[in-house]
Amino acid sequence: MDGTKEGMTRSDLVGQLAEQFDKLTHRDTEFAVKTIIDAMSDALARGHRIEIRGFGSFSINRRPPRVGRNPRSGEQVVVPEKLVPHFKPGKALREAVDANLPADEAVLDVTGRSAS
């Protein structure tokens, strides 16, 4: 790694998958990615937990109400309770990132455990 951080957008993901699976059209790949993301968003919005073995899990965390301060005036402000999405990486993903390997190079078996 050269120290620069590169990001991946949804369109980057669609492009990479379309290249990898040449039997799928770009439109089909875009539809598949949109469908997966929408299904995950809907599940989280309903309060469900999502677990993808070898990758990680998504859940909802509750942030209790609290008293904060307005930074300009210093006045106390009541911040209401919030529900926020939370991602916890799986062991295989953590190990791949820690080893500075791209996640697709980490060899995983079906259960998500490192095969090495």
PDB file of N, CA and C in Angstrom:
ATOM      1  N   MET A   1       0.836  -1.190   0.000  1.00  0.00           N
ATOM      2  CA  MET A   1       0.000   0.000   0.000  1.00  0.00           C
ATOM      3  C   MET A   1       0.866   1.234   0.000  1.00  0.00           C
ATOM      4  N   ASP A   2       0.495   2.230  -0.772  1.00  0.00           N
ATOM      5  CA  ASP A   2       1.316   3.430  -0.869  1.00  0.00           C
ATOM      6  C   ASP A   2       0.834   4.548   0.033  1.00  0.00           C
ATOM      7  N   GLY A   3      -0.121   4.296   0.899  1.00  0.00           N
ATOM      8  CA  GLY A   3      -0.574   5.305   1.845  1.00  0.00           C
ATOM      9  C   GLY A   3      -1.784   6.093   1.366  1.00  0.00           C
ATOM     10  N   THR A   4      -2.119   6.017   0.071  1.00  0.00           N
ATOM     11  CA  THR A   4      -3.299   6.720  -0.410  1.00  0.00           C
ATOM     12  C   THR A   4      -4.512   5.846  -0.187  1.00  0.00           C
ATOM     13  N   LYS A   5      -5.603   6.486   0.161  1.00  0.00           N
ATOM     14  CA  LYS A   5      -6.829   5.737   0.416  1.00  0.00           C
ATOM     15  C   LYS A   5      -7.733   5.854  -0.803  1.00  0.00           C
ATOM     16  N   GLU A   6      -8.134   4.722  -1.298  1.00  0.00           N
ATOM     17  CA  GLU A   6      -9.067   4.699  -2.410  1.00  0.00           C
ATOM     18  C   GLU A   6     -10.413   4.223  -1.890  1.00  0.00           C
ATOM     19  N   GLY A   7     -11.468   4.805  -2.407  1.00  0.00           N
ATOM     20  CA  GLY A   7     -12.799   4.396  -2.015  1.00  0.00           C
ATOM     21  C   GLY A   7     -13.453   3.605  -3.125  1.00  0.00           C
ATOM     22  N   MET A   8     -14.560   2.981  -2.780  1.00  0.00           N
ATOM     23  CA  MET A   8     -15.335   2.267  -3.789  1.00  0.00           C
ATOM     24  C   MET A   8     -16.767   2.757  -3.699  1.00  0.00           C
ATOM     25  N   THR A   9     -17.270   3.255  -4.803  1.00  0.00           N
ATOM     26  CA  THR A   9     -18.650   3.712  -4.859  1.00  0.00           C
ATOM     27  C   THR A   9     -19.530   2.576  -5.367  1.00  0.00           C
ATOM     28  N   ARG A  10     -20.827   2.819  -5.341  1.00  0.00           N
ATOM     29  CA  ARG A  10     -21.764   1.812  -5.846  1.00  0.00           C
ATOM     30  C   ARG A  10     -21.489   1.535  -7.323  1.00  0.00           C
ATOM     31  N   SER A  11     -21.234   2.591  -8.099  1.00  0.00           N
ATOM     32  CA  SER A  11     -20.978   2.384  -9.525  1.00  0.00           C
ATOM     33  C   SER A  11     -19.660   1.649  -9.759  1.00  0.00           C
ATOM     34  N   ASP A  12     -18.657   1.857  -8.891  1.00  0.00           N
ATOM     35  CA  ASP A  12     -17.409   1.086  -8.985  1.00  0.00           C
ATOM     36  C   ASP A  12     -17.696  -0.397  -8.747  1.00  0.00           C
ATOM     37  N   LEU A  13     -18.518  -0.681  -7.737  1.00  0.00           N
ATOM     38  CA  LEU A  13     -18.882  -2.058  -7.420  1.00  0.00           C
ATOM     39  C   LEU A  13     -19.617  -2.702  -8.592  1.00  0.00           C
ATOM     40  N   VAL A  14     -20.571  -1.981  -9.156  1.00  0.00           N
ATOM     41  CA  VAL A  14     -21.326  -2.492 -10.310  1.00  0.00           C
ATOM     42  C   VAL A  14     -20.381  -2.782 -11.470  1.00  0.00           C
ATOM     43  N   GLY A  15     -19.473  -1.848 -11.748  1.00  0.00           N
ATOM     44  CA  GLY A  15     -18.518  -2.026 -12.845  1.00  0.00           C
ATOM     45  C   GLY A  15     -17.618  -3.230 -12.632  1.00  0.00           C
ATOM     46  N   GLN A  16     -17.124  -3.388 -11.418  1.00  0.00           N
ATOM     47  CA  GLN A  16     -16.238  -4.512 -11.109  1.00  0.00           C
ATOM     48  C   GLN A  16     -16.973  -5.843 -11.228  1.00  0.00           C
ATOM     49  N   LEU A  17     -18.209  -5.899 -10.734  1.00  0.00           N
ATOM     50  CA  LEU A  17     -18.992  -7.135 -10.840  1.00  0.00           C
ATOM     51  C   LEU A  17     -19.359  -7.443 -12.285  1.00  0.00           C
ATOM     52  N   ALA A  18     -19.684  -6.414 -13.057  1.00  0.00           N
ATOM     53  CA  ALA A  18     -20.027  -6.616 -14.474  1.00  0.00           C
ATOM     54  C   ALA A  18     -18.834  -7.179 -15.243  1.00  0.00           C
ATOM     55  N   GLU A  19     -17.631  -6.722 -14.906  1.00  0.00           N
ATOM     56  CA  GLU A  19     -16.423  -7.260 -15.544  1.00  0.00           C
ATOM     57  C   GLU A  19     -16.181  -8.706 -15.126  1.00  0.00           C
ATOM     58  N   GLN A  20     -16.386  -8.987 -13.860  1.00  0.00           N
ATOM     59  CA  GLN A  20     -16.118 -10.306 -13.308  1.00  0.00           C
ATOM     60  C   GLN A  20     -17.099 -11.351 -13.838  1.00  0.00           C
ATOM     61  N   PHE A  21     -18.367 -10.964 -14.019  1.00  0.00           N
ATOM     62  CA  PHE A  21     -19.396 -11.890 -14.490  1.00  0.00           C
ATOM     63  C   PHE A  21     -19.867 -11.436 -15.865  1.00  0.00           C
ATOM     64  N   ASP A  22     -19.127 -11.847 -16.885  1.00  0.00           N
ATOM     65  CA  ASP A  22     -19.382 -11.355 -18.239  1.00  0.00           C
ATOM     66  C   ASP A  22     -20.717 -11.806 -18.832  1.00  0.00           C
ATOM     67  N   LYS A  23     -21.368 -12.786 -18.234  1.00  0.00           N
ATOM     68  CA  LYS A  23     -22.679 -13.212 -18.736  1.00  0.00           C
ATOM     69  C   LYS A  23     -23.793 -12.265 -18.290  1.00  0.00           C
ATOM     70  N   LEU A  24     -23.509 -11.428 -17.286  1.00  0.00           N
ATOM     71  CA  LEU A  24     -24.491 -10.446 -16.830  1.00  0.00           C
ATOM     72  C   LEU A  24     -24.261  -9.121 -17.537  1.00  0.00           C
ATOM     73  N   THR A  25     -25.347  -8.499 -17.950  1.00  0.00           N
ATOM     74  CA  THR A  25     -25.215  -7.171 -18.545  1.00  0.00           C
ATOM     75  C   THR A  25     -24.964  -6.159 -17.427  1.00  0.00           C
ATOM     76  N   HIS A  26     -24.489  -4.997 -17.807  1.00  0.00           N
ATOM     77  CA  HIS A  26     -24.245  -3.934 -16.825  1.00  0.00           C
ATOM     78  C   HIS A  26     -25.558  -3.578 -16.125  1.00  0.00           C
ATOM     79  N   ARG A  27     -26.651  -3.557 -16.883  1.00  0.00           N
ATOM     80  CA  ARG A  27     -27.964  -3.220 -16.304  1.00  0.00           C
ATOM     81  C   ARG A  27     -28.405  -4.276 -15.290  1.00  0.00           C
ATOM     82  N   ASP A  28     -28.182  -5.567 -15.614  1.00  0.00           N
ATOM     83  CA  ASP A  28     -28.543  -6.651 -14.687  1.00  0.00           C
ATOM     84  C   ASP A  28     -27.713  -6.571 -13.404  1.00  0.00           C
ATOM     85  N   THR A  29     -26.439  -6.276 -13.552  1.00  0.00           N
ATOM     86  CA  THR A  29     -25.555  -6.150 -12.392  1.00  0.00           C
ATOM     87  C   THR A  29     -25.997  -4.978 -11.528  1.00  0.00           C
ATOM     88  N   GLU A  30     -26.331  -3.862 -12.152  1.00  0.00           N
ATOM     89  CA  GLU A  30     -26.799  -2.687 -11.426  1.00  0.00           C
ATOM     90  C   GLU A  30     -28.088  -3.007 -10.661  1.00  0.00           C
ATOM     91  N   PHE A  31     -28.998  -3.737 -11.309  1.00  0.00           N
ATOM     92  CA  PHE A  31     -30.250  -4.129 -10.670  1.00  0.00           C
ATOM     93  C   PHE A  31     -29.998  -5.048  -9.472  1.00  0.00           C
ATOM     94  N   ALA A  32     -29.065  -5.999  -9.622  1.00  0.00           N
ATOM     95  CA  ALA A  32     -28.753  -6.933  -8.537  1.00  0.00           C
ATOM     96  C   ALA A  32     -28.177  -6.193  -7.331  1.00  0.00           C
ATOM     97  N   VAL A  33     -27.243  -5.284  -7.558  1.00  0.00           N
ATOM     98  CA  VAL A  33     -26.634  -4.524  -6.464  1.00  0.00           C
ATOM     99  C   VAL A  33     -27.693  -3.667  -5.784  1.00  0.00           C
ATOM    100  N   LYS A  34     -28.539  -2.997  -6.565  1.00  0.00           N
ATOM    101  CA  LYS A  34     -29.594  -2.159  -6.000  1.00  0.00           C
ATOM    102  C   LYS A  34     -30.561  -3.001  -5.162  1.00  0.00           C
ATOM    103  N   THR A  35     -30.929  -4.168  -5.661  1.00  0.00           N
ATOM    104  CA  THR A  35     -31.853  -5.055  -4.950  1.00  0.00           C
ATOM    105  C   THR A  35     -31.267  -5.517  -3.615  1.00  0.00           C
ATOM    106  N   ILE A  36     -29.997  -5.883  -3.607  1.00  0.00           N
ATOM    107  CA  ILE A  36     -29.346  -6.334  -2.371  1.00  0.00           C
ATOM    108  C   ILE A  36     -29.275  -5.200  -1.360  1.00  0.00           C
ATOM    109  N   ILE A  37     -28.843  -4.031  -1.799  1.00  0.00           N
ATOM    110  CA  ILE A  37     -28.724  -2.883  -0.887  1.00  0.00           C
ATOM    111  C   ILE A  37     -30.094  -2.468  -0.358  1.00  0.00           C
ATOM    112  N   ASP A  38     -31.101  -2.458  -1.227  1.00  0.00           N
ATOM    113  CA  ASP A  38     -32.460  -2.113  -0.782  1.00  0.00           C
ATOM    114  C   ASP A  38     -32.990  -3.118   0.241  1.00  0.00           C
ATOM    115  N   ALA A  39     -32.740  -4.414   0.003  1.00  0.00           N
ATOM    116  CA  ALA A  39     -33.206  -5.449   0.933  1.00  0.00           C
ATOM    117  C   ALA A  39     -32.519  -5.297   2.291  1.00  0.00           C
ATOM    118  N   MET A  40     -31.236  -4.996   2.274  1.00  0.00           N
ATOM    119  CA  MET A  40     -30.509  -4.810   3.535  1.00  0.00           C
ATOM    120  C   MET A  40     -31.007  -3.557   4.258  1.00  0.00           C
ATOM    121  N   SER A  41     -31.225  -2.478   3.526  1.00  0.00           N
ATOM    122  CA  SER A  41     -31.721  -1.231   4.122  1.00  0.00           C
ATOM    123  C   SER A  41     -33.098  -1.443   4.742  1.00  0.00           C
ATOM    124  N   ASP A  42     -33.971  -2.143   4.025  1.00  0.00           N
ATOM    125  CA  ASP A  42     -35.318  -2.418   4.541  1.00  0.00           C
ATOM    126  C   ASP A  42     -35.265  -3.261   5.812  1.00  0.00           C
ATOM    127  N   ALA A  43     -34.404  -4.277   5.814  1.00  0.00           N
ATOM    128  CA  ALA A  43     -34.286  -5.145   6.990  1.00  0.00           C
ATOM    129  C   ALA A  43     -33.803  -4.342   8.199  1.00  0.00           C
ATOM    130  N   LEU A  44     -32.810  -3.494   7.999  1.00  0.00           N
ATOM    131  CA  LEU A  44     -32.314  -2.673   9.107  1.00  0.00           C
ATOM    132  C   LEU A  44     -33.372  -1.681   9.575  1.00  0.00           C
ATOM    133  N   ALA A  45     -34.117  -1.099   8.636  1.00  0.00           N
ATOM    134  CA  ALA A  45     -35.171  -0.145   8.996  1.00  0.00           C
ATOM    135  C   ALA A  45     -36.257  -0.814   9.837  1.00  0.00           C
ATOM    136  N   ARG A  46     -36.466  -2.126   9.625  1.00  0.00           N
ATOM    137  CA  ARG A  46     -37.448  -2.870  10.419  1.00  0.00           C
ATOM    138  C   ARG A  46     -36.857  -3.386  11.725  1.00  0.00           C
ATOM    139  N   GLY A  47     -35.567  -3.105  11.961  1.00  0.00           N
ATOM    140  CA  GLY A  47     -34.934  -3.500  13.208  1.00  0.00           C
ATOM    141  C   GLY A  47     -34.284  -4.872  13.188  1.00  0.00           C
ATOM    142  N   HIS A  48     -34.172  -5.475  12.017  1.00  0.00           N
ATOM    143  CA  HIS A  48     -33.564  -6.803  11.912  1.00  0.00           C
ATOM    144  C   HIS A  48     -32.045  -6.708  11.869  1.00  0.00           C
ATOM    145  N   ARG A  49     -31.400  -7.785  12.232  1.00  0.00           N
ATOM    146  CA  ARG A  49     -29.938  -7.898  12.179  1.00  0.00           C
ATOM    147  C   ARG A  49     -29.587  -8.656  10.906  1.00  0.00           C
ATOM    148  N   ILE A  50     -28.482  -8.272  10.259  1.00  0.00           N
ATOM    149  CA  ILE A  50     -28.034  -8.934   9.033  1.00  0.00           C
ATOM    150  C   ILE A  50     -26.650  -9.507   9.287  1.00  0.00           C
ATOM    151  N   GLU A  51     -26.462 -10.785   9.012  1.00  0.00           N
ATOM    152  CA  GLU A  51     -25.152 -11.401   9.192  1.00  0.00           C
ATOM    153  C   GLU A  51     -24.703 -12.029   7.890  1.00  0.00           C
ATOM    154  N   ILE A  52     -23.523 -11.658   7.447  1.00  0.00           N
ATOM    155  CA  ILE A  52     -22.922 -12.223   6.242  1.00  0.00           C
ATOM    156  C   ILE A  52     -21.625 -12.888   6.686  1.00  0.00           C
ATOM    157  N   ARG A  53     -21.634 -14.209   6.757  1.00  0.00           N
ATOM    158  CA  ARG A  53     -20.488 -14.971   7.276  1.00  0.00           C
ATOM    159  C   ARG A  53     -19.214 -14.595   6.528  1.00  0.00           C
ATOM    160  N   GLY A  54     -18.144 -14.383   7.278  1.00  0.00           N
ATOM    161  CA  GLY A  54     -16.857 -14.052   6.691  1.00  0.00           C
ATOM    162  C   GLY A  54     -16.710 -12.573   6.365  1.00  0.00           C
ATOM    163  N   PHE A  55     -17.806 -11.835   6.365  1.00  0.00           N
ATOM    164  CA  PHE A  55     -17.751 -10.401   6.059  1.00  0.00           C
ATOM    165  C   PHE A  55     -18.041  -9.575   7.298  1.00  0.00           C
ATOM    166  N   GLY A  56     -19.217  -9.777   7.887  1.00  0.00           N
ATOM    167  CA  GLY A  56     -19.560  -9.039   9.094  1.00  0.00           C
ATOM    168  C   GLY A  56     -21.055  -9.019   9.320  1.00  0.00           C
ATOM    169  N   SER A  57     -21.462  -8.235  10.316  1.00  0.00           N
ATOM    170  CA  SER A  57     -22.886  -8.143  10.624  1.00  0.00           C
ATOM    171  C   SER A  57     -23.300  -6.684  10.780  1.00  0.00           C
ATOM    172  N   PHE A  58     -24.512  -6.435  10.391  1.00  0.00           N
ATOM    173  CA  PHE A  58     -25.118  -5.113  10.508  1.00  0.00           C
ATOM    174  C   PHE A  58     -26.218  -5.210  11.547  1.00  0.00           C
ATOM    175  N   SER A  59     -26.299  -4.236  12.422  1.00  0.00           N
ATOM    176  CA  SER A  59     -27.356  -4.219  13.421  1.00  0.00           C
ATOM    177  C   SER A  59     -27.730  -2.769  13.704  1.00  0.00           C
ATOM    178  N   ILE A  60     -28.710  -2.603  14.579  1.00  0.00           N
ATOM    179  CA  ILE A  60     -29.153  -1.266  14.966  1.00  0.00           C
ATOM    180  C   ILE A  60     -28.751  -1.048  16.421  1.00  0.00           C
ATOM    181  N   ASN A  61     -28.086   0.054  16.686  1.00  0.00           N
ATOM    182  CA  ASN A  61     -27.734   0.430  18.055  1.00  0.00           C
ATOM    183  C   ASN A  61     -28.617   1.592  18.501  1.00  0.00           C
ATOM    184  N   ARG A  62     -28.994   1.567  19.774  1.00  0.00           N
ATOM    185  CA  ARG A  62     -29.801   2.641  20.352  1.00  0.00           C
ATOM    186  C   ARG A  62     -28.889   3.629  21.060  1.00  0.00           C
ATOM    187  N   ARG A  63     -29.014   4.877  20.703  1.00  0.00           N
ATOM    188  CA  ARG A  63     -28.304   5.936  21.427  1.00  0.00           C
ATOM    189  C   ARG A  63     -29.322   6.620  22.322  1.00  0.00           C
ATOM    190  N   PRO A  64     -29.135   6.524  23.629  1.00  0.00           N
ATOM    191  CA  PRO A  64     -30.124   7.091  24.558  1.00  0.00           C
ATOM    192  C   PRO A  64     -30.175   8.618  24.472  1.00  0.00           C
ATOM    193  N   PRO A  65     -31.286   9.204  24.919  1.00  0.00           N
ATOM    194  CA  PRO A  65     -31.361  10.667  24.925  1.00  0.00           C
ATOM    195  C   PRO A  65     -30.309  11.233  25.870  1.00  0.00           C
ATOM    196  N   ARG A  66     -29.855  12.436  25.565  1.00  0.00           N
ATOM    197  CA  ARG A  66     -28.826  13.046  26.407  1.00  0.00           C
ATOM    198  C   ARG A  66     -28.954  14.557  26.336  1.00  0.00           C
ATOM    199  N   VAL A  67     -28.231  15.219  27.197  1.00  0.00           N
ATOM    200  CA  VAL A  67     -28.192  16.677  27.186  1.00  0.00           C
ATOM    201  C   VAL A  67     -26.867  17.085  26.553  1.00  0.00           C
ATOM    202  N   GLY A  68     -26.959  17.866  25.482  1.00  0.00           N
ATOM    203  CA  GLY A  68     -25.774  18.365  24.800  1.00  0.00           C
ATOM    204  C   GLY A  68     -25.692  19.875  24.945  1.00  0.00           C
ATOM    205  N   ARG A  69     -24.737  20.463  24.261  1.00  0.00           N
ATOM    206  CA  ARG A  69     -24.581  21.918  24.310  1.00  0.00           C
ATOM    207  C   ARG A  69     -24.504  22.472  22.903  1.00  0.00           C
ATOM    208  N   ASN A  70     -25.161  23.607  22.707  1.00  0.00           N
ATOM    209  CA  ASN A  70     -25.046  24.338  21.460  1.00  0.00           C
ATOM    210  C   ASN A  70     -23.643  24.951  21.451  1.00  0.00           C
ATOM    211  N   PRO A  71     -22.805  24.631  20.444  1.00  0.00           N
ATOM    212  CA  PRO A  71     -21.424  25.109  20.461  1.00  0.00           C
ATOM    213  C   PRO A  71     -21.303  26.638  20.369  1.00  0.00           C
ATOM    214  N   ARG A  72     -22.266  27.290  19.754  1.00  0.00           N
ATOM    215  CA  ARG A  72     -22.202  28.751  19.634  1.00  0.00           C
ATOM    216  C   ARG A  72     -22.572  29.468  20.919  1.00  0.00           C
ATOM    217  N   SER A  73     -23.712  29.069  21.474  1.00  0.00           N
ATOM    218  CA  SER A  73     -24.222  29.813  22.635  1.00  0.00           C
ATOM    219  C   SER A  73     -23.868  29.157  23.971  1.00  0.00           C
ATOM    220  N   GLY A  74     -23.480  27.881  23.932  1.00  0.00           N
ATOM    221  CA  GLY A  74     -23.201  27.174  25.173  1.00  0.00           C
ATOM    222  C   GLY A  74     -24.472  26.717  25.876  1.00  0.00           C
ATOM    223  N   GLU A  75     -25.616  27.012  25.282  1.00  0.00           N
ATOM    224  CA  GLU A  75     -26.924  26.660  25.848  1.00  0.00           C
ATOM    225  C   GLU A  75     -27.126  25.150  25.815  1.00  0.00           C
ATOM    226  N   GLN A  76     -27.743  24.608  26.872  1.00  0.00           N
ATOM    227  CA  GLN A  76     -28.029  23.178  26.914  1.00  0.00           C
ATOM    228  C   GLN A  76     -29.148  22.845  25.935  1.00  0.00           C
ATOM    229  N   VAL A  77     -28.975  21.709  25.255  1.00  0.00           N
ATOM    230  CA  VAL A  77     -29.954  21.247  24.278  1.00  0.00           C
ATOM    231  C   VAL A  77     -30.223  19.769  24.552  1.00  0.00           C
ATOM    232  N   VAL A  78     -31.500  19.381  24.525  1.00  0.00           N
ATOM    233  CA  VAL A  78     -31.851  17.971  24.710  1.00  0.00           C
ATOM    234  C   VAL A  78     -31.726  17.276  23.349  1.00  0.00           C
ATOM    235  N   VAL A  79     -30.859  16.268  23.296  1.00  0.00           N
ATOM    236  CA  VAL A  79     -30.678  15.475  22.078  1.00  0.00           C
ATOM    237  C   VAL A  79     -31.526  14.219  22.252  1.00  0.00           C
ATOM    238  N   PRO A  80     -32.515  14.006  21.362  1.00  0.00           N
ATOM    239  CA  PRO A  80     -33.418  12.855  21.528  1.00  0.00           C
ATOM    240  C   PRO A  80     -32.729  11.517  21.250  1.00  0.00           C
ATOM    241  N   GLU A  81     -33.388  10.447  21.666  1.00  0.00           N
ATOM    242  CA  GLU A  81     -32.915   9.093  21.398  1.00  0.00           C
ATOM    243  C   GLU A  81     -32.803   8.878  19.893  1.00  0.00           C
ATOM    244  N   LYS A  82     -31.803   8.101  19.495  1.00  0.00           N
ATOM    245  CA  LYS A  82     -31.621   7.783  18.074  1.00  0.00           C
ATOM    246  C   LYS A  82     -31.349   6.300  17.917  1.00  0.00           C
ATOM    247  N   LEU A  83     -31.775   5.758  16.796  1.00  0.00           N
ATOM    248  CA  LEU A  83     -31.401   4.409  16.391  1.00  0.00           C
ATOM    249  C   LEU A  83     -30.443   4.570  15.215  1.00  0.00           C
ATOM    250  N   VAL A  84     -29.258   3.980  15.327  1.00  0.00           N
ATOM    251  CA  VAL A  84     -28.247   4.146  14.285  1.00  0.00           C
ATOM    252  C   VAL A  84     -27.753   2.788  13.794  1.00  0.00           C
ATOM    253  N   PRO A  85     -27.478   2.673  12.486  1.00  0.00           N
ATOM    254  CA  PRO A  85     -26.929   1.424  11.960  1.00  0.00           C
ATOM    255  C   PRO A  85     -25.498   1.224  12.458  1.00  0.00           C
ATOM    256  N   HIS A  86     -25.136  -0.036  12.665  1.00  0.00           N
ATOM    257  CA  HIS A  86     -23.811  -0.379  13.176  1.00  0.00           C
ATOM    258  C   HIS A  86     -23.289  -1.566  12.377  1.00  0.00           C
ATOM    259  N   PHE A  87     -22.006  -1.527  12.004  1.00  0.00           N
ATOM    260  CA  PHE A  87     -21.371  -2.641  11.295  1.00  0.00           C
ATOM    261  C   PHE A  87     -20.253  -3.201  12.145  1.00  0.00           C
ATOM    262  N   LYS A  88     -20.242  -4.515  12.309  1.00  0.00           N
ATOM    263  CA  LYS A  88     -19.161  -5.188  13.019  1.00  0.00           C
ATOM    264  C   LYS A  88     -18.509  -6.157  12.030  1.00  0.00           C
ATOM    265  N   PRO A  89     -17.251  -5.906  11.672  1.00  0.00           N
ATOM    266  CA  PRO A  89     -16.596  -6.788  10.697  1.00  0.00           C
ATOM    267  C   PRO A  89     -16.392  -8.189  11.249  1.00  0.00           C
ATOM    268  N   GLY A  90     -16.465  -9.169  10.357  1.00  0.00           N
ATOM    269  CA  GLY A  90     -16.225 -10.556  10.736  1.00  0.00           C
ATOM    270  C   GLY A  90     -14.732 -10.819  10.882  1.00  0.00           C
ATOM    271  N   LYS A  91     -14.401 -11.957  11.463  1.00  0.00           N
ATOM    272  CA  LYS A  91     -13.009 -12.292  11.733  1.00  0.00           C
ATOM    273  C   LYS A  91     -12.178 -12.339  10.447  1.00  0.00           C
ATOM    274  N   ALA A  92     -12.697 -12.959   9.402  1.00  0.00           N
ATOM    275  CA  ALA A  92     -11.944 -13.082   8.145  1.00  0.00           C
ATOM    276  C   ALA A  92     -11.665 -11.712   7.535  1.00  0.00           C
ATOM    277  N   LEU A  93     -12.636 -10.803   7.586  1.00  0.00           N
ATOM    278  CA  LEU A  93     -12.438  -9.459   7.050  1.00  0.00           C
ATOM    279  C   LEU A  93     -11.418  -8.697   7.894  1.00  0.00           C
ATOM    280  N   ARG A  94     -11.538  -8.797   9.218  1.00  0.00           N
ATOM    281  CA  ARG A  94     -10.570  -8.126  10.100  1.00  0.00           C
ATOM    282  C   ARG A  94      -9.155  -8.613   9.824  1.00  0.00           C
ATOM    283  N   GLU A  95      -9.001  -9.930   9.679  1.00  0.00           N
ATOM    284  CA  GLU A  95      -7.670 -10.489   9.421  1.00  0.00           C
ATOM    285  C   GLU A  95      -7.135 -10.059   8.068  1.00  0.00           C
ATOM    286  N   ALA A  96      -8.010 -10.006   7.045  1.00  0.00           N
ATOM    287  CA  ALA A  96      -7.580  -9.588   5.713  1.00  0.00           C
ATOM    288  C   ALA A  96      -7.132  -8.128   5.722  1.00  0.00           C
ATOM    289  N   VAL A  97      -7.876  -7.284   6.402  1.00  0.00           N
ATOM    290  CA  VAL A  97      -7.522  -5.863   6.490  1.00  0.00           C
ATOM    291  C   VAL A  97      -6.236  -5.704   7.295  1.00  0.00           C
ATOM    292  N   ASP A  98      -6.138  -6.442   8.391  1.00  0.00           N
ATOM    293  CA  ASP A  98      -4.961  -6.348   9.247  1.00  0.00           C
ATOM    294  C   ASP A  98      -3.708  -6.795   8.509  1.00  0.00           C
ATOM    295  N   ALA A  99      -3.836  -7.784   7.667  1.00  0.00           N
ATOM    296  CA  ALA A  99      -2.701  -8.299   6.917  1.00  0.00           C
ATOM    297  C   ALA A  99      -2.420  -7.451   5.679  1.00  0.00           C
ATOM    298  N   ASN A 100      -3.190  -6.372   5.494  1.00  0.00           N
ATOM    299  CA  ASN A 100      -3.044  -5.479   4.351  1.00  0.00           C
ATOM    300  C   ASN A 100      -3.340  -6.155   3.020  1.00  0.00           C
ATOM    301  N   LEU A 101      -4.172  -7.179   3.062  1.00  0.00           N
ATOM    302  CA  LEU A 101      -4.572  -7.873   1.847  1.00  0.00           C
ATOM    303  C   LEU A 101      -5.957  -7.394   1.440  1.00  0.00           C
ATOM    304  N   PRO A 102      -6.219  -7.287   0.144  1.00  0.00           N
ATOM    305  CA  PRO A 102      -7.601  -7.043  -0.265  1.00  0.00           C
ATOM    306  C   PRO A 102      -8.449  -8.232   0.180  1.00  0.00           C
ATOM    307  N   ALA A 103      -9.687  -7.972   0.558  1.00  0.00           N
ATOM    308  CA  ALA A 103     -10.556  -9.023   1.101  1.00  0.00           C
ATOM    309  C   ALA A 103     -10.739 -10.184   0.128  1.00  0.00           C
ATOM    310  N   ASP A 104     -10.698  -9.929  -1.202  1.00  0.00           N
ATOM    311  CA  ASP A 104     -10.904 -11.021  -2.156  1.00  0.00           C
ATOM    312  C   ASP A 104      -9.698 -11.961  -2.213  1.00  0.00           C
ATOM    313  N   GLU A 105      -8.544 -11.562  -1.681  1.00  0.00           N
ATOM    314  CA  GLU A 105      -7.386 -12.434  -1.655  1.00  0.00           C
ATOM    315  C   GLU A 105      -7.378 -13.329  -0.429  1.00  0.00           C
ATOM    316  N   ALA A 106      -8.155 -12.973   0.579  1.00  0.00           N
ATOM    317  CA  ALA A 106      -8.235 -13.811   1.771  1.00  0.00           C
ATOM    318  C   ALA A 106      -9.059 -15.027   1.402  1.00  0.00           C
ATOM    319  N   VAL A 107      -8.475 -16.203   1.519  1.00  0.00           N
ATOM    320  CA  VAL A 107      -9.159 -17.424   1.120  1.00  0.00           C
ATOM    321  C   VAL A 107     -10.109 -17.837   2.236  1.00  0.00           C
ATOM    322  N   LEU A 108     -11.390 -17.924   1.910  1.00  0.00           N
ATOM    323  CA  LEU A 108     -12.401 -18.292   2.894  1.00  0.00           C
ATOM    324  C   LEU A 108     -13.121 -19.544   2.437  1.00  0.00           C
ATOM    325  N   ASP A 109     -13.505 -20.374   3.401  1.00  0.00           N
ATOM    326  CA  ASP A 109     -14.383 -21.467   3.057  1.00  0.00           C
ATOM    327  C   ASP A 109     -15.826 -20.994   3.278  1.00  0.00           C
ATOM    328  N   VAL A 110     -16.788 -21.849   3.073  1.00  0.00           N
ATOM    329  CA  VAL A 110     -18.182 -21.474   3.124  1.00  0.00           C
ATOM    330  C   VAL A 110     -18.609 -20.939   4.498  1.00  0.00           C
ATOM    331  N   THR A 111     -17.981 -21.396   5.552  1.00  0.00           N
ATOM    332  CA  THR A 111     -18.366 -20.963   6.894  1.00  0.00           C
ATOM    333  C   THR A 111     -17.776 -19.612   7.256  1.00  0.00           C
ATOM    334  N   GLY A 112     -16.896 -19.067   6.402  1.00  0.00           N
ATOM    335  CA  GLY A 112     -16.302 -17.774   6.678  1.00  0.00           C
ATOM    336  C   GLY A 112     -15.000 -17.863   7.443  1.00  0.00           C
ATOM    337  N   ARG A 113     -14.538 -19.093   7.715  1.00  0.00           N
ATOM    338  CA  ARG A 113     -13.264 -19.248   8.424  1.00  0.00           C
ATOM    339  C   ARG A 113     -12.120 -19.248   7.418  1.00  0.00           C
ATOM    340  N   SER A 114     -10.979 -18.759   7.815  1.00  0.00           N
ATOM    341  CA  SER A 114      -9.792 -18.758   6.957  1.00  0.00           C
ATOM    342  C   SER A 114      -9.426 -20.190   6.614  1.00  0.00           C
ATOM    343  N   ALA A 115      -9.185 -20.457   5.352  1.00  0.00           N
ATOM    344  CA  ALA A 115      -8.853 -21.798   4.920  1.00  0.00           C
ATOM    345  C   ALA A 115      -7.357 -22.070   5.046  1.00  0.00           C
ATOM    346  N   SER A 116      -6.572 -21.054   5.365  1.00  0.00           N
ATOM    347  CA  SER A 116      -5.122 -21.253   5.478  1.00  0.00           C
ATOM    348  C   SER A 116      -4.693 -21.741   6.817  1.00  0.00           C
TER     349      SER A 116
END
